[in-house]
Amino acid sequence: MITRAQKRSRAETEKQDDDNEHKQRLKEDEIVLPSDFIEKHTNEFVIGCERVLEVDPSVRTIMLLNSFMLFYRTDDSDDIAKVSLQDAFTRLGSTIMGQQISNNAAMSIRKRFMDHFDGLFPTFLTLHKDLKDPEKRSIIKACGLSDRKLSYLESLALYFSENSKEIDTLFKTRDNDSEVVDHLVNNIKGIGPWSAKMFLLTALKRLNVFVPEDLGIARGFSRYISDKPELLAELMKNRGSVIKKSKIKHKKFNWTIYDDDIMEACADRFAPYRSIFMVLMWRLSSEDTMAMVKIEKEFMQQI
């Protein structure tokens, strides 16, 4: 005979099972991506997005706010990024041109530069040759380039001209992000860690890149962590002995700057898909998220 207490216990157990099943269904719904999102993007990127949502479902809304042009599906986009030497040279050259000026100014200079070369970005061999000719160098400078940026472009063209096979192998090798960054920073004037990491993301489509020194990422991270006191406490508690102070300065005090090691520790929770977390931080860097999506789109169209 089943007692009243046993019936009540069984009912409570069944209710708990139902609650757990409901919570599991909710959790599964939080990480399931819409079919149109899946169809637009590469398989590896979709897997990465699902992994990010498993770690933190709260970013689902900002993730689905717009698609990610950089990781659109193409006929061969699920293979290793097939960036050509010319494409890599163009991207790095455009990065140098755009340093420390507005997007509009960078686009204007790049257009004048390409117009000089019949509407195309010159090959590294052509640019290397032309910059050695004083008259042609002067014409190229008149496109809006400073002497310093001309020297940076010359360094880039020389590096590609003399090391094309080595560079091609480097860019086609997987799991060598640190090697690529070191190679670019140590061999090309004007390419620092930020530029090299951006190249990993935008040209080589690497999915485990994180750049804490980027102002937009730092601002977005501040918004992200602001309503997660328990996570922040955990990151601070588990902080290692090596503290990497942030070099970012800002005059406004409406957001908090966190040190690089704290941001990196948080991003590591999403490894090996830190690039996805990073792009989401970009989107969070402004309260007007749609404006940030527009800027993101313009940036991707330039590279």
C-alpha atoms as a PDB file:
ATOM      1  CA  MET A   1       0.000   0.000   0.000  1.00  0.00           C
ATOM      2  CA  ILE A   2       1.338   3.438  -0.980  1.00  0.00           C
ATOM      3  CA  THR A   3       1.163   5.968   1.812  1.00  0.00           C
ATOM      4  CA  ARG A   4       0.076   9.589   1.388  1.00  0.00           C
ATOM      5  CA  ALA A   5       3.652  10.737   2.008  1.00  0.00           C
ATOM      6  CA  GLN A   6       4.957   8.406  -0.722  1.00  0.00           C
ATOM      7  CA  LYS A   7       2.358   9.731  -3.184  1.00  0.00           C
ATOM      8  CA  ARG A   8       3.356  13.291  -2.358  1.00  0.00           C
ATOM      9  CA  SER A   9       7.041  12.423  -2.793  1.00  0.00           C
ATOM     10  CA  ARG A  10       6.370  10.738  -6.126  1.00  0.00           C
ATOM     11  CA  ALA A  11       4.355  13.735  -7.319  1.00  0.00           C
ATOM     12  CA  GLU A  12       7.156  16.091  -6.302  1.00  0.00           C
ATOM     13  CA  THR A  13       9.703  13.936  -8.133  1.00  0.00           C
ATOM     14  CA  GLU A  14       7.596  13.889 -11.286  1.00  0.00           C
ATOM     15  CA  LYS A  15       7.166  17.676 -11.078  1.00  0.00           C
ATOM     16  CA  GLN A  16      10.926  18.103 -10.660  1.00  0.00           C
ATOM     17  CA  ASP A  17      11.511  15.883 -13.709  1.00  0.00           C
ATOM     18  CA  ASP A  18       9.028  17.951 -15.706  1.00  0.00           C
ATOM     19  CA  ASP A  19      10.728  21.168 -14.595  1.00  0.00           C
ATOM     20  CA  ASN A  20      14.137  19.823 -15.546  1.00  0.00           C
ATOM     21  CA  GLU A  21      12.847  18.688 -18.932  1.00  0.00           C
ATOM     22  CA  HIS A  22      11.296  22.137 -19.508  1.00  0.00           C
ATOM     23  CA  LYS A  23      14.550  23.872 -18.573  1.00  0.00           C
ATOM     24  CA  GLN A  24      16.463  21.568 -20.916  1.00  0.00           C
ATOM     25  CA  ARG A  25      14.096  22.403 -23.784  1.00  0.00           C
ATOM     26  CA  LEU A  26      14.509  26.121 -23.067  1.00  0.00           C
ATOM     27  CA  LYS A  27      18.280  25.736 -23.044  1.00  0.00           C
ATOM     28  CA  GLU A  28      18.208  23.854 -26.341  1.00  0.00           C
ATOM     29  CA  ASP A  29      16.009  26.574 -27.863  1.00  0.00           C
ATOM     30  CA  GLU A  30      18.546  29.190 -26.767  1.00  0.00           C
ATOM     31  CA  ILE A  31      21.384  27.590 -28.742  1.00  0.00           C
ATOM     32  CA  VAL A  32      19.415  26.522 -31.827  1.00  0.00           C
ATOM     33  CA  LEU A  33      20.180  28.866 -34.714  1.00  0.00           C
ATOM     34  CA  PRO A  34      17.579  29.823 -37.346  1.00  0.00           C
ATOM     35  CA  SER A  35      17.822  27.895 -40.606  1.00  0.00           C
ATOM     36  CA  ASP A  36      18.399  31.039 -42.696  1.00  0.00           C
ATOM     37  CA  PHE A  37      21.351  31.970 -40.466  1.00  0.00           C
ATOM     38  CA  ILE A  38      22.824  28.488 -40.862  1.00  0.00           C
ATOM     39  CA  GLU A  39      22.397  28.534 -44.636  1.00  0.00           C
ATOM     40  CA  LYS A  40      24.239  31.850 -45.009  1.00  0.00           C
ATOM     41  CA  HIS A  41      27.367  30.954 -43.050  1.00  0.00           C
ATOM     42  CA  THR A  42      30.170  28.415 -43.228  1.00  0.00           C
ATOM     43  CA  ASN A  43      29.815  25.180 -41.302  1.00  0.00           C
ATOM     44  CA  GLU A  44      32.750  25.932 -39.020  1.00  0.00           C
ATOM     45  CA  PHE A  45      31.377  29.360 -38.177  1.00  0.00           C
ATOM     46  CA  VAL A  46      27.931  27.943 -37.363  1.00  0.00           C
ATOM     47  CA  ILE A  47      29.507  25.331 -35.096  1.00  0.00           C
ATOM     48  CA  GLY A  48      31.419  28.137 -33.412  1.00  0.00           C
ATOM     49  CA  CYS A  49      28.247  30.173 -32.886  1.00  0.00           C
ATOM     50  CA  GLU A  50      26.553  27.182 -31.280  1.00  0.00           C
ATOM     51  CA  ARG A  51      29.538  26.735 -28.982  1.00  0.00           C
ATOM     52  CA  VAL A  52      29.416  30.413 -27.987  1.00  0.00           C
ATOM     53  CA  LEU A  53      25.697  30.120 -27.186  1.00  0.00           C
ATOM     54  CA  GLU A  54      26.317  27.011 -25.099  1.00  0.00           C
ATOM     55  CA  VAL A  55      28.739  29.026 -22.963  1.00  0.00           C
ATOM     56  CA  ASP A  56      26.566  32.151 -22.810  1.00  0.00           C
ATOM     57  CA  PRO A  57      23.041  32.079 -24.285  1.00  0.00           C
ATOM     58  CA  SER A  58      22.565  35.762 -23.383  1.00  0.00           C
ATOM     59  CA  VAL A  59      24.441  36.857 -26.535  1.00  0.00           C
ATOM     60  CA  ARG A  60      21.898  35.216 -28.856  1.00  0.00           C
ATOM     61  CA  THR A  61      19.998  38.443 -29.536  1.00  0.00           C
ATOM     62  CA  ILE A  62      23.085  40.438 -30.538  1.00  0.00           C
ATOM     63  CA  MET A  63      24.364  37.469 -32.556  1.00  0.00           C
ATOM     64  CA  LEU A  64      21.189  37.234 -34.629  1.00  0.00           C
ATOM     65  CA  LEU A  65      20.868  40.994 -35.074  1.00  0.00           C
ATOM     66  CA  ASN A  66      22.541  40.655 -38.458  1.00  0.00           C
ATOM     67  CA  SER A  67      24.480  38.100 -40.466  1.00  0.00           C
ATOM     68  CA  PHE A  68      28.293  38.021 -40.550  1.00  0.00           C
ATOM     69  CA  MET A  69      29.501  38.935 -44.028  1.00  0.00           C
ATOM     70  CA  LEU A  70      33.040  37.815 -43.265  1.00  0.00           C
ATOM     71  CA  PHE A  71      31.904  34.214 -42.810  1.00  0.00           C
ATOM     72  CA  TYR A  72      29.380  33.877 -45.612  1.00  0.00           C
ATOM     73  CA  ARG A  73      29.183  30.478 -47.240  1.00  0.00           C
ATOM     74  CA  THR A  74      30.766  30.121 -50.695  1.00  0.00           C
ATOM     75  CA  ASP A  75      31.534  27.117 -52.886  1.00  0.00           C
ATOM     76  CA  ASP A  76      34.821  26.441 -51.105  1.00  0.00           C
ATOM     77  CA  SER A  77      34.434  28.501 -47.898  1.00  0.00           C
ATOM     78  CA  ASP A  78      34.473  25.472 -45.618  1.00  0.00           C
ATOM     79  CA  ASP A  79      38.030  24.708 -46.612  1.00  0.00           C
ATOM     80  CA  ILE A  80      41.056  26.595 -45.324  1.00  0.00           C
ATOM     81  CA  ALA A  81      40.941  30.237 -46.387  1.00  0.00           C
ATOM     82  CA  LYS A  82      42.261  30.458 -49.943  1.00  0.00           C
ATOM     83  CA  VAL A  83      43.756  33.931 -49.747  1.00  0.00           C
ATOM     84  CA  SER A  84      46.047  34.698 -52.679  1.00  0.00           C
ATOM     85  CA  LEU A  85      49.309  36.570 -52.267  1.00  0.00           C
ATOM     86  CA  GLN A  86      47.837  39.543 -54.121  1.00  0.00           C
ATOM     87  CA  ASP A  87      44.756  39.561 -51.923  1.00  0.00           C
ATOM     88  CA  ALA A  88      46.920  39.420 -48.795  1.00  0.00           C
ATOM     89  CA  PHE A  89      49.124  42.226 -50.106  1.00  0.00           C
ATOM     90  CA  THR A  90      46.059  44.340 -50.924  1.00  0.00           C
ATOM     91  CA  ARG A  91      44.565  43.875 -47.474  1.00  0.00           C
ATOM     92  CA  LEU A  92      47.794  44.707 -45.651  1.00  0.00           C
ATOM     93  CA  GLY A  93      48.432  47.671 -47.931  1.00  0.00           C
ATOM     94  CA  SER A  94      44.917  48.992 -47.314  1.00  0.00           C
ATOM     95  CA  THR A  95      45.464  48.577 -43.576  1.00  0.00           C
ATOM     96  CA  ILE A  96      48.585  50.731 -43.746  1.00  0.00           C
ATOM     97  CA  MET A  97      46.777  53.415 -45.743  1.00  0.00           C
ATOM     98  CA  GLY A  98      43.937  53.562 -43.255  1.00  0.00           C
ATOM     99  CA  GLN A  99      46.023  53.894 -40.103  1.00  0.00           C
ATOM    100  CA  GLN A 100      45.179  56.809 -37.790  1.00  0.00           C
ATOM    101  CA  ILE A 101      42.615  58.406 -40.134  1.00  0.00           C
ATOM    102  CA  SER A 102      38.849  58.148 -40.512  1.00  0.00           C
ATOM    103  CA  ASN A 103      37.173  55.476 -42.622  1.00  0.00           C
ATOM    104  CA  ASN A 104      36.027  58.069 -45.143  1.00  0.00           C
ATOM    105  CA  ALA A 105      39.513  59.525 -45.489  1.00  0.00           C
ATOM    106  CA  ALA A 106      41.001  56.045 -45.883  1.00  0.00           C
ATOM    107  CA  MET A 107      38.492  55.140 -48.601  1.00  0.00           C
ATOM    108  CA  SER A 108      39.228  58.385 -50.449  1.00  0.00           C
ATOM    109  CA  ILE A 109      43.003  57.829 -50.405  1.00  0.00           C
ATOM    110  CA  ARG A 110      42.632  54.202 -51.428  1.00  0.00           C
ATOM    111  CA  LYS A 111      40.432  55.212 -54.372  1.00  0.00           C
ATOM    112  CA  ARG A 112      42.924  57.827 -55.599  1.00  0.00           C
ATOM    113  CA  PHE A 113      45.740  55.323 -55.170  1.00  0.00           C
ATOM    114  CA  MET A 114      43.913  52.660 -57.187  1.00  0.00           C
ATOM    115  CA  ASP A 115      42.821  55.179 -59.832  1.00  0.00           C
ATOM    116  CA  HIS A 116      46.502  55.850 -60.423  1.00  0.00           C
ATOM    117  CA  PHE A 117      46.890  52.138 -61.196  1.00  0.00           C
ATOM    118  CA  ASP A 118      43.914  52.007 -63.585  1.00  0.00           C
ATOM    119  CA  GLY A 119      41.398  51.132 -60.898  1.00  0.00           C
ATOM    120  CA  LEU A 120      43.266  48.161 -59.463  1.00  0.00           C
ATOM    121  CA  PHE A 121      45.437  47.700 -56.414  1.00  0.00           C
ATOM    122  CA  PRO A 122      48.968  47.232 -57.820  1.00  0.00           C
ATOM    123  CA  THR A 123      50.873  43.990 -57.450  1.00  0.00           C
ATOM    124  CA  PHE A 124      53.682  43.962 -54.925  1.00  0.00           C
ATOM    125  CA  LEU A 125      56.205  43.716 -57.771  1.00  0.00           C
ATOM    126  CA  THR A 126      54.751  46.774 -59.517  1.00  0.00           C
ATOM    127  CA  LEU A 127      54.598  48.883 -56.375  1.00  0.00           C
ATOM    128  CA  HIS A 128      58.098  47.865 -55.327  1.00  0.00           C
ATOM    129  CA  LYS A 129      59.424  48.956 -58.727  1.00  0.00           C
ATOM    130  CA  ASP A 130      57.458  52.234 -58.877  1.00  0.00           C
ATOM    131  CA  LEU A 131      58.473  53.366 -55.401  1.00  0.00           C
ATOM    132  CA  LYS A 132      62.114  53.169 -56.466  1.00  0.00           C
ATOM    133  CA  ASP A 133      61.449  55.729 -59.220  1.00  0.00           C
ATOM    134  CA  PRO A 134      61.495  59.254 -57.680  1.00  0.00           C
ATOM    135  CA  GLU A 135      58.979  60.649 -60.178  1.00  0.00           C
ATOM    136  CA  LYS A 136      56.511  57.780 -59.779  1.00  0.00           C
ATOM    137  CA  ARG A 137      57.007  57.848 -55.999  1.00  0.00           C
ATOM    138  CA  SER A 138      56.060  61.531 -55.968  1.00  0.00           C
ATOM    139  CA  ILE A 139      52.873  60.827 -57.929  1.00  0.00           C
ATOM    140  CA  ILE A 140      51.916  58.014 -55.562  1.00  0.00           C
ATOM    141  CA  LYS A 141      52.534  60.273 -52.556  1.00  0.00           C
ATOM    142  CA  ALA A 142      50.186  62.872 -54.083  1.00  0.00           C
ATOM    143  CA  CYS A 143      47.333  60.370 -53.623  1.00  0.00           C
ATOM    144  CA  GLY A 144      47.345  61.471 -49.977  1.00  0.00           C
ATOM    145  CA  LEU A 145      50.092  59.330 -48.469  1.00  0.00           C
ATOM    146  CA  SER A 146      52.660  60.611 -45.993  1.00  0.00           C
ATOM    147  CA  ASP A 147      56.365  59.828 -46.310  1.00  0.00           C
ATOM    148  CA  ARG A 148      56.015  57.436 -43.387  1.00  0.00           C
ATOM    149  CA  LYS A 149      53.176  55.495 -44.995  1.00  0.00           C
ATOM    150  CA  LEU A 150      55.111  55.386 -48.264  1.00  0.00           C
ATOM    151  CA  SER A 151      58.015  53.792 -46.399  1.00  0.00           C
ATOM    152  CA  TYR A 152      55.612  51.287 -44.829  1.00  0.00           C
ATOM    153  CA  LEU A 153      54.178  50.362 -48.249  1.00  0.00           C
ATOM    154  CA  GLU A 154      57.689  50.044 -49.605  1.00  0.00           C
ATOM    155  CA  SER A 155      58.595  47.682 -46.754  1.00  0.00           C
ATOM    156  CA  LEU A 156      55.463  45.628 -47.461  1.00  0.00           C
ATOM    157  CA  ALA A 157      56.148  45.416 -51.203  1.00  0.00           C
ATOM    158  CA  LEU A 158      59.784  44.452 -50.620  1.00  0.00           C
ATOM    159  CA  TYR A 159      58.846  41.749 -48.128  1.00  0.00           C
ATOM    160  CA  PHE A 160      56.319  40.157 -50.492  1.00  0.00           C
ATOM    161  CA  SER A 161      58.664  40.451 -53.485  1.00  0.00           C
ATOM    162  CA  GLU A 162      61.515  38.671 -51.739  1.00  0.00           C
ATOM    163  CA  ASN A 163      59.568  36.065 -49.730  1.00  0.00           C
ATOM    164  CA  SER A 164      56.510  35.141 -51.809  1.00  0.00           C
ATOM    165  CA  LYS A 165      56.820  31.348 -51.478  1.00  0.00           C
ATOM    166  CA  GLU A 166      57.449  31.464 -47.744  1.00  0.00           C
ATOM    167  CA  ILE A 167      54.510  33.828 -47.213  1.00  0.00           C
ATOM    168  CA  ASP A 168      52.182  31.665 -49.315  1.00  0.00           C
ATOM    169  CA  THR A 169      53.046  28.592 -47.230  1.00  0.00           C
ATOM    170  CA  LEU A 170      52.674  30.546 -43.998  1.00  0.00           C
ATOM    171  CA  PHE A 171      49.167  31.744 -44.823  1.00  0.00           C
ATOM    172  CA  LYS A 172      47.970  28.315 -45.985  1.00  0.00           C
ATOM    173  CA  THR A 173      49.107  26.520 -42.828  1.00  0.00           C
ATOM    174  CA  ARG A 174      46.551  25.921 -40.096  1.00  0.00           C
ATOM    175  CA  ASP A 175      46.921  26.526 -36.346  1.00  0.00           C
ATOM    176  CA  ASN A 176      49.816  28.975 -36.676  1.00  0.00           C
ATOM    177  CA  ASP A 177      48.176  32.231 -35.617  1.00  0.00           C
ATOM    178  CA  SER A 178      51.038  33.331 -33.362  1.00  0.00           C
ATOM    179  CA  GLU A 179      53.582  32.540 -36.065  1.00  0.00           C
ATOM    180  CA  VAL A 180      51.703  34.635 -38.631  1.00  0.00           C
ATOM    181  CA  VAL A 181      51.448  37.583 -36.234  1.00  0.00           C
ATOM    182  CA  ASP A 182      55.145  37.416 -35.329  1.00  0.00           C
ATOM    183  CA  HIS A 183      56.135  37.090 -38.982  1.00  0.00           C
ATOM    184  CA  LEU A 184      54.168  40.154 -40.068  1.00  0.00           C
ATOM    185  CA  VAL A 185      55.145  42.341 -37.110  1.00  0.00           C
ATOM    186  CA  ASN A 186      58.844  41.504 -37.360  1.00  0.00           C
ATOM    187  CA  ASN A 187      59.170  41.893 -41.120  1.00  0.00           C
ATOM    188  CA  ILE A 188      56.866  44.725 -42.215  1.00  0.00           C
ATOM    189  CA  LYS A 189      57.183  48.309 -41.042  1.00  0.00           C
ATOM    190  CA  GLY A 190      53.855  49.751 -39.956  1.00  0.00           C
ATOM    191  CA  ILE A 191      52.249  46.396 -39.151  1.00  0.00           C
ATOM    192  CA  GLY A 192      51.840  46.021 -35.399  1.00  0.00           C
ATOM    193  CA  PRO A 193      50.077  43.360 -33.329  1.00  0.00           C
ATOM    194  CA  TRP A 194      46.627  44.913 -33.837  1.00  0.00           C
ATOM    195  CA  SER A 195      46.979  45.037 -37.637  1.00  0.00           C
ATOM    196  CA  ALA A 196      48.410  41.515 -37.756  1.00  0.00           C
ATOM    197  CA  LYS A 197      45.571  40.080 -35.660  1.00  0.00           C
ATOM    198  CA  MET A 198      42.978  41.872 -37.777  1.00  0.00           C
ATOM    199  CA  PHE A 199      44.600  40.273 -40.819  1.00  0.00           C
ATOM    200  CA  LEU A 200      44.210  36.849 -39.195  1.00  0.00           C
ATOM    201  CA  LEU A 201      40.499  37.511 -38.820  1.00  0.00           C
ATOM    202  CA  THR A 202      39.601  39.366 -42.010  1.00  0.00           C
ATOM    203  CA  ALA A 203      41.928  37.706 -44.533  1.00  0.00           C
ATOM    204  CA  LEU A 204      42.639  34.234 -43.176  1.00  0.00           C
ATOM    205  CA  LYS A 205      39.206  33.855 -41.488  1.00  0.00           C
ATOM    206  CA  ARG A 206      40.783  32.489 -38.320  1.00  0.00           C
ATOM    207  CA  LEU A 207      38.175  31.789 -35.646  1.00  0.00           C
ATOM    208  CA  ASN A 208      40.255  32.000 -32.468  1.00  0.00           C
ATOM    209  CA  VAL A 209      41.448  35.609 -32.615  1.00  0.00           C
ATOM    210  CA  PHE A 210      40.985  38.094 -29.785  1.00  0.00           C
ATOM    211  CA  VAL A 211      42.307  41.665 -29.680  1.00  0.00           C
ATOM    212  CA  PRO A 212      41.908  43.229 -26.215  1.00  0.00           C
ATOM    213  CA  GLU A 213      43.890  46.300 -27.268  1.00  0.00           C
ATOM    214  CA  ASP A 214      41.104  47.355 -29.655  1.00  0.00           C
ATOM    215  CA  LEU A 215      39.090  50.302 -28.297  1.00  0.00           C
ATOM    216  CA  GLY A 216      35.780  48.985 -29.614  1.00  0.00           C
ATOM    217  CA  ILE A 217      36.367  45.537 -28.123  1.00  0.00           C
ATOM    218  CA  ALA A 218      37.266  47.050 -24.755  1.00  0.00           C
ATOM    219  CA  ARG A 219      34.145  49.229 -24.731  1.00  0.00           C
ATOM    220  CA  GLY A 220      31.924  46.332 -25.790  1.00  0.00           C
ATOM    221  CA  PHE A 221      33.437  44.088 -23.131  1.00  0.00           C
ATOM    222  CA  SER A 222      32.690  46.730 -20.497  1.00  0.00           C
ATOM    223  CA  ARG A 223      29.001  46.639 -21.456  1.00  0.00           C
ATOM    224  CA  TYR A 224      29.021  42.832 -21.649  1.00  0.00           C
ATOM    225  CA  ILE A 225      30.487  42.298 -18.180  1.00  0.00           C
ATOM    226  CA  SER A 226      28.510  45.105 -16.503  1.00  0.00           C
ATOM    227  CA  ASP A 227      25.521  42.860 -15.708  1.00  0.00           C
ATOM    228  CA  LYS A 228      27.599  39.780 -14.879  1.00  0.00           C
ATOM    229  CA  PRO A 229      29.063  40.494 -11.412  1.00  0.00           C
ATOM    230  CA  GLU A 230      29.492  36.809 -10.582  1.00  0.00           C
ATOM    231  CA  LEU A 231      31.483  36.176 -13.761  1.00  0.00           C
ATOM    232  CA  LEU A 232      33.654  39.233 -13.138  1.00  0.00           C
ATOM    233  CA  ALA A 233      34.285  38.095  -9.554  1.00  0.00           C
ATOM    234  CA  GLU A 234      35.312  34.661 -10.838  1.00  0.00           C
ATOM    235  CA  LEU A 235      37.682  36.187 -13.416  1.00  0.00           C
ATOM    236  CA  MET A 236      39.265  38.401 -10.762  1.00  0.00           C
ATOM    237  CA  LYS A 237      39.565  35.527  -8.290  1.00  0.00           C
ATOM    238  CA  ASN A 238      41.296  33.259 -10.816  1.00  0.00           C
ATOM    239  CA  ARG A 239      43.591  36.002 -12.098  1.00  0.00           C
ATOM    240  CA  GLY A 240      47.119  34.767 -12.656  1.00  0.00           C
ATOM    241  CA  SER A 241      50.315  36.294 -11.368  1.00  0.00           C
ATOM    242  CA  VAL A 242      50.995  38.023 -14.705  1.00  0.00           C
ATOM    243  CA  ILE A 243      48.807  41.120 -14.986  1.00  0.00           C
ATOM    244  CA  LYS A 244      48.574  42.646 -18.461  1.00  0.00           C
ATOM    245  CA  LYS A 245      47.552  46.243 -17.953  1.00  0.00           C
ATOM    246  CA  SER A 246      45.370  47.826 -20.616  1.00  0.00           C
ATOM    247  CA  LYS A 247      47.002  50.611 -22.620  1.00  0.00           C
ATOM    248  CA  ILE A 248      43.655  52.078 -23.629  1.00  0.00           C
ATOM    249  CA  LYS A 249      42.880  55.594 -22.423  1.00  0.00           C
ATOM    250  CA  HIS A 250      39.597  57.438 -22.685  1.00  0.00           C
ATOM    251  CA  LYS A 251      38.307  60.755 -21.355  1.00  0.00           C
ATOM    252  CA  LYS A 252      34.723  59.676 -20.769  1.00  0.00           C
ATOM    253  CA  PHE A 253      33.851  57.766 -17.637  1.00  0.00           C
ATOM    254  CA  ASN A 254      30.634  56.091 -18.740  1.00  0.00           C
ATOM    255  CA  TRP A 255      32.370  52.738 -19.162  1.00  0.00           C
ATOM    256  CA  THR A 256      35.112  50.820 -17.380  1.00  0.00           C
ATOM    257  CA  ILE A 257      38.450  49.794 -18.864  1.00  0.00           C
ATOM    258  CA  TYR A 258      39.433  46.259 -17.865  1.00  0.00           C
ATOM    259  CA  ASP A 259      42.968  44.934 -18.100  1.00  0.00           C
ATOM    260  CA  ASP A 260      43.904  42.781 -21.061  1.00  0.00           C
ATOM    261  CA  ASP A 261      44.391  39.613 -18.996  1.00  0.00           C
ATOM    262  CA  ILE A 262      40.835  39.858 -17.597  1.00  0.00           C
ATOM    263  CA  MET A 263      39.380  40.298 -21.075  1.00  0.00           C
ATOM    264  CA  GLU A 264      41.504  37.450 -22.442  1.00  0.00           C
ATOM    265  CA  ALA A 265      40.474  35.122 -19.605  1.00  0.00           C
ATOM    266  CA  CYS A 266      36.828  35.819 -20.394  1.00  0.00           C
ATOM    267  CA  ALA A 267      37.377  35.322 -24.127  1.00  0.00           C
ATOM    268  CA  ASP A 268      39.154  32.022 -23.429  1.00  0.00           C
ATOM    269  CA  ARG A 269      35.830  30.639 -22.201  1.00  0.00           C
ATOM    270  CA  PHE A 270      34.763  30.650 -25.858  1.00  0.00           C
ATOM    271  CA  ALA A 271      37.929  29.095 -27.315  1.00  0.00           C
ATOM    272  CA  PRO A 272      38.541  27.946 -29.990  1.00  0.00           C
ATOM    273  CA  TYR A 273      35.943  30.452 -31.248  1.00  0.00           C
ATOM    274  CA  ARG A 274      37.134  33.678 -29.631  1.00  0.00           C
ATOM    275  CA  SER A 275      36.771  35.562 -32.930  1.00  0.00           C
ATOM    276  CA  ILE A 276      32.985  35.193 -32.689  1.00  0.00           C
ATOM    277  CA  PHE A 277      32.976  36.535 -29.145  1.00  0.00           C
ATOM    278  CA  MET A 278      35.176  39.417 -30.314  1.00  0.00           C
ATOM    279  CA  VAL A 279      32.832  40.412 -33.144  1.00  0.00           C
ATOM    280  CA  LEU A 280      29.940  40.350 -30.683  1.00  0.00           C
ATOM    281  CA  MET A 281      31.895  42.741 -28.440  1.00  0.00           C
ATOM    282  CA  TRP A 282      32.182  45.096 -31.411  1.00  0.00           C
ATOM    283  CA  ARG A 283      28.425  45.057 -31.762  1.00  0.00           C
ATOM    284  CA  LEU A 284      28.046  45.828 -28.066  1.00  0.00           C
ATOM    285  CA  SER A 285      30.494  48.735 -28.171  1.00  0.00           C
ATOM    286  CA  SER A 286      27.672  51.212 -28.764  1.00  0.00           C
ATOM    287  CA  GLU A 287      24.204  51.510 -27.280  1.00  0.00           C
ATOM    288  CA  ASP A 288      23.007  51.965 -30.865  1.00  0.00           C
ATOM    289  CA  THR A 289      23.667  48.391 -31.944  1.00  0.00           C
ATOM    290  CA  MET A 290      22.150  48.849 -35.392  1.00  0.00           C
ATOM    291  CA  ALA A 291      24.579  51.702 -36.051  1.00  0.00           C
ATOM    292  CA  MET A 292      27.418  49.385 -35.069  1.00  0.00           C
ATOM    293  CA  VAL A 293      26.114  46.723 -37.443  1.00  0.00           C
ATOM    294  CA  LYS A 294      26.187  49.330 -40.219  1.00  0.00           C
ATOM    295  CA  ILE A 295      29.779  50.301 -39.349  1.00  0.00           C
ATOM    296  CA  GLU A 296      30.711  46.613 -39.210  1.00  0.00           C
ATOM    297  CA  LYS A 297      29.282  46.102 -42.705  1.00  0.00           C
ATOM    298  CA  GLU A 298      31.157  49.116 -44.090  1.00  0.00           C
ATOM    299  CA  PHE A 299      34.385  47.884 -42.512  1.00  0.00           C
ATOM    300  CA  MET A 300      33.995  44.432 -44.029  1.00  0.00           C
ATOM    301  CA  GLN A 301      33.313  45.930 -47.460  1.00  0.00           C
ATOM    302  CA  GLN A 302      36.592  47.850 -47.319  1.00  0.00           C
ATOM    303  CA  ILE A 303      38.862  44.909 -46.562  1.00  0.00           C
END
